[in-house]
Amino acid sequence: RGRGRGGGLTAVCWQFLRRQQVLQLYRRILRALRDVPTEADRRYLQEWAREEFRRNKDATEEDAIRMMITQGNMQLQELQRTLKLAKS
C-alpha cells in the first residue's frame, strides 16, 4: 500500500507537510524583513526572497527540498541576529 517513509504517511501527505514547512518559512522570512530599517534594502531583500522561492517552486526531490528548507532557516536565523544587533 502507499506507505512512505513516515511509517504510514503517504507521499501525498509528505508533500503536503513539506509544502506547509516551505510556506511557513516564506512567511517568517517576509515577517523578519519588515524590521529591515531602510526601505530600499527591505524591498531588495523581499524581492530576493520572492525570487528564490519562485525559482525553486518546482523542486520535487525530497532531499533537495529538505536541504533548501534547512538553508532557508539558517539564513533566517542569521538575518534575525543581524537585525537584532543593528537595533542594539
PDB file of N, CA and C in Angstrom:
ATOM      1  N   ARG A   1       0.839  -1.208   0.000  1.00  0.00           N
ATOM      2  CA  ARG A   1       0.000   0.000   0.000  1.00  0.00           C
ATOM      3  C   ARG A   1       0.859   1.235   0.000  1.00  0.00           C
ATOM      4  N   GLY A   2       0.305   2.392  -0.258  1.00  0.00           N
ATOM      5  CA  GLY A   2       1.059   3.622  -0.443  1.00  0.00           C
ATOM      6  C   GLY A   2       1.733   4.154   0.805  1.00  0.00           C
ATOM      7  N   ARG A   3       2.533   3.322   1.423  1.00  0.00           N
ATOM      8  CA  ARG A   3       3.213   3.772   2.642  1.00  0.00           C
ATOM      9  C   ARG A   3       4.554   4.381   2.298  1.00  0.00           C
ATOM     10  N   GLY A   4       4.799   5.559   2.837  1.00  0.00           N
ATOM     11  CA  GLY A   4       6.068   6.244   2.593  1.00  0.00           C
ATOM     12  C   GLY A   4       7.022   6.007   3.734  1.00  0.00           C
ATOM     13  N   ARG A   5       7.968   6.916   3.882  1.00  0.00           N
ATOM     14  CA  ARG A   5       9.000   6.800   4.914  1.00  0.00           C
ATOM     15  C   ARG A   5       8.463   7.009   6.320  1.00  0.00           C
ATOM     16  N   GLY A   6       7.300   7.599   6.441  1.00  0.00           N
ATOM     17  CA  GLY A   6       6.813   8.018   7.746  1.00  0.00           C
ATOM     18  C   GLY A   6       6.042   6.963   8.501  1.00  0.00           C
ATOM     19  N   GLY A   7       6.221   5.705   8.184  1.00  0.00           N
ATOM     20  CA  GLY A   7       5.514   4.674   8.904  1.00  0.00           C
ATOM     21  C   GLY A   7       4.010   4.791   8.729  1.00  0.00           C
ATOM     22  N   GLY A   8       3.560   5.030   7.517  1.00  0.00           N
ATOM     23  CA  GLY A   8       2.136   5.081   7.266  1.00  0.00           C
ATOM     24  C   GLY A   8       1.694   6.332   6.536  1.00  0.00           C
ATOM     25  N   LEU A   9       2.503   7.360   6.519  1.00  0.00           N
ATOM     26  CA  LEU A   9       2.129   8.571   5.791  1.00  0.00           C
ATOM     27  C   LEU A   9       2.401   8.367   4.308  1.00  0.00           C
ATOM     28  N   THR A  10       1.439   8.738   3.506  1.00  0.00           N
ATOM     29  CA  THR A  10       1.596   8.574   2.064  1.00  0.00           C
ATOM     30  C   THR A  10       2.484   9.675   1.508  1.00  0.00           C
ATOM     31  N   ALA A  11       2.915   9.499   0.268  1.00  0.00           N
ATOM     32  CA  ALA A  11       3.752  10.506  -0.398  1.00  0.00           C
ATOM     33  C   ALA A  11       3.000  11.829  -0.496  1.00  0.00           C
ATOM     34  N   VAL A  12       1.706  11.774  -0.740  1.00  0.00           N
ATOM     35  CA  VAL A  12       0.908  12.994  -0.843  1.00  0.00           C
ATOM     36  C   VAL A  12       0.901  13.719   0.503  1.00  0.00           C
ATOM     37  N   CYS A  13       0.799  12.965   1.561  1.00  0.00           N
ATOM     38  CA  CYS A  13       0.807  13.554   2.900  1.00  0.00           C
ATOM     39  C   CYS A  13       2.152  14.231   3.176  1.00  0.00           C
ATOM     40  N   TRP A  14       3.244  13.579   2.783  1.00  0.00           N
ATOM     41  CA  TRP A  14       4.577  14.174   2.967  1.00  0.00           C
ATOM     42  C   TRP A  14       4.706  15.454   2.155  1.00  0.00           C
ATOM     43  N   GLN A  15       4.184  15.437   0.934  1.00  0.00           N
ATOM     44  CA  GLN A  15       4.242  16.640   0.088  1.00  0.00           C
ATOM     45  C   GLN A  15       3.472  17.784   0.738  1.00  0.00           C
ATOM     46  N   PHE A  16       2.320  17.470   1.311  1.00  0.00           N
ATOM     47  CA  PHE A  16       1.516  18.492   1.977  1.00  0.00           C
ATOM     48  C   PHE A  16       2.283  19.085   3.160  1.00  0.00           C
ATOM     49  N   LEU A  17       2.873  18.224   3.977  1.00  0.00           N
ATOM     50  CA  LEU A  17       3.624  18.693   5.151  1.00  0.00           C
ATOM     51  C   LEU A  17       4.830  19.523   4.736  1.00  0.00           C
ATOM     52  N   ARG A  18       5.526  19.081   3.702  1.00  0.00           N
ATOM     53  CA  ARG A  18       6.694  19.810   3.213  1.00  0.00           C
ATOM     54  C   ARG A  18       6.264  21.177   2.684  1.00  0.00           C
ATOM     55  N   ARG A  19       5.154  21.211   1.965  1.00  0.00           N
ATOM     56  CA  ARG A  19       4.628  22.471   1.433  1.00  0.00           C
ATOM     57  C   ARG A  19       4.305  23.433   2.580  1.00  0.00           C
ATOM     58  N   GLN A  20       3.725  22.911   3.641  1.00  0.00           N
ATOM     59  CA  GLN A  20       3.411  23.745   4.801  1.00  0.00           C
ATOM     60  C   GLN A  20       4.690  24.311   5.423  1.00  0.00           C
ATOM     61  N   GLN A  21       5.736  23.488   5.492  1.00  0.00           N
ATOM     62  CA  GLN A  21       7.026  23.959   6.029  1.00  0.00           C
ATOM     63  C   GLN A  21       7.589  25.089   5.175  1.00  0.00           C
ATOM     64  N   VAL A  22       7.520  24.923   3.858  1.00  0.00           N
ATOM     65  CA  VAL A  22       8.054  25.931   2.940  1.00  0.00           C
ATOM     66  C   VAL A  22       7.271  27.239   3.075  1.00  0.00           C
ATOM     67  N   LEU A  23       5.951  27.153   3.099  1.00  0.00           N
ATOM     68  CA  LEU A  23       5.129  28.354   3.229  1.00  0.00           C
ATOM     69  C   LEU A  23       5.366  29.054   4.563  1.00  0.00           C
ATOM     70  N   GLN A  24       5.523  28.266   5.618  1.00  0.00           N
ATOM     71  CA  GLN A  24       5.797  28.846   6.937  1.00  0.00           C
ATOM     72  C   GLN A  24       7.142  29.579   6.935  1.00  0.00           C
ATOM     73  N   LEU A  25       8.151  28.975   6.326  1.00  0.00           N
ATOM     74  CA  LEU A  25       9.466  29.608   6.222  1.00  0.00           C
ATOM     75  C   LEU A  25       9.370  30.907   5.427  1.00  0.00           C
ATOM     76  N   TYR A  26       8.664  30.876   4.316  1.00  0.00           N
ATOM     77  CA  TYR A  26       8.497  32.063   3.474  1.00  0.00           C
ATOM     78  C   TYR A  26       7.845  33.193   4.271  1.00  0.00           C
ATOM     79  N   ARG A  27       6.778  32.879   4.982  1.00  0.00           N
ATOM     80  CA  ARG A  27       6.088  33.906   5.780  1.00  0.00           C
ATOM     81  C   ARG A  27       6.991  34.442   6.887  1.00  0.00           C
ATOM     82  N   ARG A  28       7.761  33.573   7.521  1.00  0.00           N
ATOM     83  CA  ARG A  28       8.669  34.016   8.591  1.00  0.00           C
ATOM     84  C   ARG A  28       9.753  34.938   8.046  1.00  0.00           C
ATOM     85  N   ILE A  29      10.261  34.627   6.846  1.00  0.00           N
ATOM     86  CA  ILE A  29      11.282  35.482   6.228  1.00  0.00           C
ATOM     87  C   ILE A  29      10.694  36.856   5.919  1.00  0.00           C
ATOM     88  N   LEU A  30       9.524  36.877   5.277  1.00  0.00           N
ATOM     89  CA  LEU A  30       8.910  38.167   4.937  1.00  0.00           C
ATOM     90  C   LEU A  30       8.583  38.970   6.194  1.00  0.00           C
ATOM     91  N   ARG A  31       8.164  38.289   7.242  1.00  0.00           N
ATOM     92  CA  ARG A  31       7.874  38.975   8.507  1.00  0.00           C
ATOM     93  C   ARG A  31       9.148  39.578   9.090  1.00  0.00           C
ATOM     94  N   ALA A  32      10.235  38.827   9.061  1.00  0.00           N
ATOM     95  CA  ALA A  32      11.510  39.319   9.595  1.00  0.00           C
ATOM     96  C   ALA A  32      12.003  40.517   8.780  1.00  0.00           C
ATOM     97  N   LEU A  33      11.753  40.509   7.485  1.00  0.00           N
ATOM     98  CA  LEU A  33      12.229  41.599   6.631  1.00  0.00           C
ATOM     99  C   LEU A  33      11.527  42.919   6.927  1.00  0.00           C
ATOM    100  N   ARG A  34      10.399  42.877   7.593  1.00  0.00           N
ATOM    101  CA  ARG A  34       9.717  44.116   7.985  1.00  0.00           C
ATOM    102  C   ARG A  34      10.599  44.975   8.893  1.00  0.00           C
ATOM    103  N   ASP A  35      11.522  44.314   9.593  1.00  0.00           N
ATOM    104  CA  ASP A  35      12.393  45.023  10.541  1.00  0.00           C
ATOM    105  C   ASP A  35      13.638  45.619   9.896  1.00  0.00           C
ATOM    106  N   VAL A  36      13.841  45.382   8.603  1.00  0.00           N
ATOM    107  CA  VAL A  36      14.983  45.991   7.911  1.00  0.00           C
ATOM    108  C   VAL A  36      14.752  47.498   7.905  1.00  0.00           C
ATOM    109  N   PRO A  37      15.721  48.268   8.420  1.00  0.00           N
ATOM    110  CA  PRO A  37      15.479  49.690   8.658  1.00  0.00           C
ATOM    111  C   PRO A  37      15.261  50.552   7.408  1.00  0.00           C
ATOM    112  N   THR A  38      15.985  50.315   6.344  1.00  0.00           N
ATOM    113  CA  THR A  38      15.819  51.184   5.171  1.00  0.00           C
ATOM    114  C   THR A  38      14.882  50.536   4.162  1.00  0.00           C
ATOM    115  N   GLU A  39      14.010  51.344   3.595  1.00  0.00           N
ATOM    116  CA  GLU A  39      13.005  50.823   2.669  1.00  0.00           C
ATOM    117  C   GLU A  39      13.633  50.192   1.435  1.00  0.00           C
ATOM    118  N   ALA A  40      14.684  50.803   0.916  1.00  0.00           N
ATOM    119  CA  ALA A  40      15.342  50.260  -0.285  1.00  0.00           C
ATOM    120  C   ALA A  40      15.910  48.867  -0.013  1.00  0.00           C
ATOM    121  N   ASP A  41      16.572  48.706   1.141  1.00  0.00           N
ATOM    122  CA  ASP A  41      17.117  47.393   1.495  1.00  0.00           C
ATOM    123  C   ASP A  41      15.998  46.377   1.714  1.00  0.00           C
ATOM    124  N   ARG A  42      14.932  46.824   2.374  1.00  0.00           N
ATOM    125  CA  ARG A  42      13.801  45.942   2.656  1.00  0.00           C
ATOM    126  C   ARG A  42      13.188  45.446   1.345  1.00  0.00           C
ATOM    127  N   ARG A  43      12.967  46.369   0.401  1.00  0.00           N
ATOM    128  CA  ARG A  43      12.388  45.977  -0.897  1.00  0.00           C
ATOM    129  C   ARG A  43      13.299  45.034  -1.662  1.00  0.00           C
ATOM    130  N   TYR A  44      14.600  45.330  -1.641  1.00  0.00           N
ATOM    131  CA  TYR A  44      15.572  44.471  -2.333  1.00  0.00           C
ATOM    132  C   TYR A  44      15.524  43.051  -1.763  1.00  0.00           C
ATOM    133  N   LEU A  45      15.546  42.948  -0.432  1.00  0.00           N
ATOM    134  CA  LEU A  45      15.551  41.630   0.215  1.00  0.00           C
ATOM    135  C   LEU A  45      14.227  40.893   0.023  1.00  0.00           C
ATOM    136  N   GLN A  46      13.123  41.623   0.025  1.00  0.00           N
ATOM    137  CA  GLN A  46      11.828  40.993  -0.227  1.00  0.00           C
ATOM    138  C   GLN A  46      11.783  40.414  -1.637  1.00  0.00           C
ATOM    139  N   GLU A  47      12.272  41.179  -2.601  1.00  0.00           N
ATOM    140  CA  GLU A  47      12.284  40.692  -3.979  1.00  0.00           C
ATOM    141  C   GLU A  47      13.227  39.505  -4.128  1.00  0.00           C
ATOM    142  N   TRP A  48      14.366  39.556  -3.445  1.00  0.00           N
ATOM    143  CA  TRP A  48      15.307  38.427  -3.473  1.00  0.00           C
ATOM    144  C   TRP A  48      14.645  37.174  -2.922  1.00  0.00           C
ATOM    145  N   ALA A  49      13.972  37.297  -1.779  1.00  0.00           N
ATOM    146  CA  ALA A  49      13.314  36.137  -1.166  1.00  0.00           C
ATOM    147  C   ALA A  49      12.236  35.588  -2.100  1.00  0.00           C
ATOM    148  N   ARG A  50      11.414  36.464  -2.639  1.00  0.00           N
ATOM    149  CA  ARG A  50      10.359  36.018  -3.566  1.00  0.00           C
ATOM    150  C   ARG A  50      10.950  35.266  -4.752  1.00  0.00           C
ATOM    151  N   GLU A  51      12.019  35.823  -5.309  1.00  0.00           N
ATOM    152  CA  GLU A  51      12.633  35.199  -6.480  1.00  0.00           C
ATOM    153  C   GLU A  51      13.243  33.834  -6.138  1.00  0.00           C
ATOM    154  N   GLU A  52      13.874  33.725  -4.980  1.00  0.00           N
ATOM    155  CA  GLU A  52      14.443  32.434  -4.567  1.00  0.00           C
ATOM    156  C   GLU A  52      13.358  31.363  -4.443  1.00  0.00           C
ATOM    157  N   PHE A  53      12.256  31.714  -3.794  1.00  0.00           N
ATOM    158  CA  PHE A  53      11.167  30.753  -3.633  1.00  0.00           C
ATOM    159  C   PHE A  53      10.522  30.445  -4.986  1.00  0.00           C
ATOM    160  N   ARG A  54      10.348  31.458  -5.815  1.00  0.00           N
ATOM    161  CA  ARG A  54       9.764  31.265  -7.143  1.00  0.00           C
ATOM    162  C   ARG A  54      10.652  30.352  -7.985  1.00  0.00           C
ATOM    163  N   ARG A  55      11.954  30.578  -7.910  1.00  0.00           N
ATOM    164  CA  ARG A  55      12.906  29.808  -8.720  1.00  0.00           C
ATOM    165  C   ARG A  55      12.895  28.321  -8.350  1.00  0.00           C
ATOM    166  N   ASN A  56      12.607  28.029  -7.083  1.00  0.00           N
ATOM    167  CA  ASN A  56      12.657  26.639  -6.615  1.00  0.00           C
ATOM    168  C   ASN A  56      11.290  26.007  -6.430  1.00  0.00           C
ATOM    169  N   LYS A  57      10.229  26.658  -6.903  1.00  0.00           N
ATOM    170  CA  LYS A  57       8.873  26.171  -6.639  1.00  0.00           C
ATOM    171  C   LYS A  57       8.563  24.825  -7.285  1.00  0.00           C
ATOM    172  N   ASP A  58       9.285  24.473  -8.319  1.00  0.00           N
ATOM    173  CA  ASP A  58       9.011  23.214  -8.999  1.00  0.00           C
ATOM    174  C   ASP A  58       9.919  22.069  -8.543  1.00  0.00           C
ATOM    175  N   ALA A  59      10.698  22.305  -7.501  1.00  0.00           N
ATOM    176  CA  ALA A  59      11.587  21.248  -6.994  1.00  0.00           C
ATOM    177  C   ALA A  59      10.742  20.082  -6.483  1.00  0.00           C
ATOM    178  N   THR A  60      11.185  18.869  -6.781  1.00  0.00           N
ATOM    179  CA  THR A  60      10.432  17.684  -6.356  1.00  0.00           C
ATOM    180  C   THR A  60      11.280  16.697  -5.570  1.00  0.00           C
ATOM    181  N   GLU A  61      12.591  16.795  -5.676  1.00  0.00           N
ATOM    182  CA  GLU A  61      13.461  15.835  -4.994  1.00  0.00           C
ATOM    183  C   GLU A  61      13.459  16.125  -3.487  1.00  0.00           C
ATOM    184  N   GLU A  62      13.020  15.144  -2.724  1.00  0.00           N
ATOM    185  CA  GLU A  62      12.830  15.304  -1.277  1.00  0.00           C
ATOM    186  C   GLU A  62      14.085  15.789  -0.559  1.00  0.00           C
ATOM    187  N   ASP A  63      15.228  15.186  -0.864  1.00  0.00           N
ATOM    188  CA  ASP A  63      16.475  15.591  -0.197  1.00  0.00           C
ATOM    189  C   ASP A  63      16.841  17.034  -0.510  1.00  0.00           C
ATOM    190  N   ALA A  64      16.655  17.437  -1.755  1.00  0.00           N
ATOM    191  CA  ALA A  64      16.968  18.815  -2.153  1.00  0.00           C
ATOM    192  C   ALA A  64      16.031  19.793  -1.451  1.00  0.00           C
ATOM    193  N   ILE A  65      14.767  19.455  -1.353  1.00  0.00           N
ATOM    194  CA  ILE A  65      13.797  20.331  -0.680  1.00  0.00           C
ATOM    195  C   ILE A  65      14.146  20.467   0.795  1.00  0.00           C
ATOM    196  N   ARG A  66      14.474  19.345   1.417  1.00  0.00           N
ATOM    197  CA  ARG A  66      14.860  19.366   2.839  1.00  0.00           C
ATOM    198  C   ARG A  66      16.087  20.246   3.048  1.00  0.00           C
ATOM    199  N   MET A  67      17.063  20.131   2.144  1.00  0.00           N
ATOM    200  CA  MET A  67      18.278  20.934   2.243  1.00  0.00           C
ATOM    201  C   MET A  67      17.961  22.420   2.073  1.00  0.00           C
ATOM    202  N   MET A  68      17.080  22.754   1.121  1.00  0.00           N
ATOM    203  CA  MET A  68      16.717  24.159   0.914  1.00  0.00           C
ATOM    204  C   MET A  68      15.995  24.727   2.134  1.00  0.00           C
ATOM    205  N   ILE A  69      15.139  23.933   2.756  1.00  0.00           N
ATOM    206  CA  ILE A  69      14.441  24.389   3.961  1.00  0.00           C
ATOM    207  C   ILE A  69      15.448  24.640   5.082  1.00  0.00           C
ATOM    208  N   THR A  70      16.395  23.738   5.236  1.00  0.00           N
ATOM    209  CA  THR A  70      17.434  23.901   6.270  1.00  0.00           C
ATOM    210  C   THR A  70      18.248  25.160   6.007  1.00  0.00           C
ATOM    211  N   GLN A  71      18.665  25.362   4.757  1.00  0.00           N
ATOM    212  CA  GLN A  71      19.443  26.560   4.413  1.00  0.00           C
ATOM    213  C   GLN A  71      18.626  27.827   4.631  1.00  0.00           C
ATOM    214  N   GLY A  72      17.359  27.788   4.258  1.00  0.00           N
ATOM    215  CA  GLY A  72      16.484  28.932   4.456  1.00  0.00           C
ATOM    216  C   GLY A  72      16.330  29.289   5.926  1.00  0.00           C
ATOM    217  N   ASN A  73      16.188  28.267   6.767  1.00  0.00           N
ATOM    218  CA  ASN A  73      16.083  28.510   8.211  1.00  0.00           C
ATOM    219  C   ASN A  73      17.373  29.100   8.774  1.00  0.00           C
ATOM    220  N   MET A  74      18.503  28.629   8.281  1.00  0.00           N
ATOM    221  CA  MET A  74      19.784  29.183   8.748  1.00  0.00           C
ATOM    222  C   MET A  74      19.931  30.636   8.305  1.00  0.00           C
ATOM    223  N   GLN A  75      19.540  30.944   7.080  1.00  0.00           N
ATOM    224  CA  GLN A  75      19.608  32.326   6.592  1.00  0.00           C
ATOM    225  C   GLN A  75      18.658  33.224   7.378  1.00  0.00           C
ATOM    226  N   LEU A  76      17.485  32.692   7.717  1.00  0.00           N
ATOM    227  CA  LEU A  76      16.533  33.459   8.522  1.00  0.00           C
ATOM    228  C   LEU A  76      17.114  33.758   9.894  1.00  0.00           C
ATOM    229  N   GLN A  77      17.725  32.767  10.519  1.00  0.00           N
ATOM    230  CA  GLN A  77      18.339  32.986  11.841  1.00  0.00           C
ATOM    231  C   GLN A  77      19.440  34.034  11.767  1.00  0.00           C
ATOM    232  N   GLU A  78      20.249  33.977  10.716  1.00  0.00           N
ATOM    233  CA  GLU A  78      21.323  34.958  10.539  1.00  0.00           C
ATOM    234  C   GLU A  78      20.740  36.357  10.346  1.00  0.00           C
ATOM    235  N   LEU A  79      19.696  36.461   9.554  1.00  0.00           N
ATOM    236  CA  LEU A  79      19.026  37.748   9.349  1.00  0.00           C
ATOM    237  C   LEU A  79      18.488  38.286  10.671  1.00  0.00           C
ATOM    238  N   GLN A  80      17.849  37.427  11.444  1.00  0.00           N
ATOM    239  CA  GLN A  80      17.286  37.857  12.727  1.00  0.00           C
ATOM    240  C   GLN A  80      18.384  38.321  13.679  1.00  0.00           C
ATOM    241  N   ARG A  81      19.514  37.601  13.703  1.00  0.00           N
ATOM    242  CA  ARG A  81      20.641  38.013  14.552  1.00  0.00           C
ATOM    243  C   ARG A  81      21.188  39.372  14.114  1.00  0.00           C
ATOM    244  N   THR A  82      21.336  39.551  12.806  1.00  0.00           N
ATOM    245  CA  THR A  82      21.860  40.801  12.269  1.00  0.00           C
ATOM    246  C   THR A  82      20.936  41.973  12.605  1.00  0.00           C
ATOM    247  N   LEU A  83      19.631  41.761  12.429  1.00  0.00           N
ATOM    248  CA  LEU A  83      18.664  42.823  12.725  1.00  0.00           C
ATOM    249  C   LEU A  83      18.646  43.155  14.215  1.00  0.00           C
ATOM    250  N   LYS A  84      18.790  42.132  15.024  1.00  0.00           N
ATOM    251  CA  LYS A  84      18.814  42.354  16.489  1.00  0.00           C
ATOM    252  C   LYS A  84      20.042  43.167  16.880  1.00  0.00           C
ATOM    253  N   LEU A  85      21.193  42.849  16.284  1.00  0.00           N
ATOM    254  CA  LEU A  85      22.412  43.602  16.570  1.00  0.00           C
ATOM    255  C   LEU A  85      22.296  45.049  16.089  1.00  0.00           C
ATOM    256  N   ALA A  86      21.662  45.245  14.949  1.00  0.00           N
ATOM    257  CA  ALA A  86      21.516  46.583  14.391  1.00  0.00           C
ATOM    258  C   ALA A  86      20.644  47.467  15.289  1.00  0.00           C
ATOM    259  N   LYS A  87      19.684  46.843  15.977  1.00  0.00           N
ATOM    260  CA  LYS A  87      18.795  47.590  16.861  1.00  0.00           C
ATOM    261  C   LYS A  87      19.482  48.000  18.165  1.00  0.00           C
ATOM    262  N   SER A  88      20.455  47.197  18.591  1.00  0.00           N
ATOM    263  CA  SER A  88      21.078  47.483  19.891  1.00  0.00           C
ATOM    264  C   SER A  88      22.209  48.479  19.810  1.00  0.00           C
TER     265      SER A  88
END
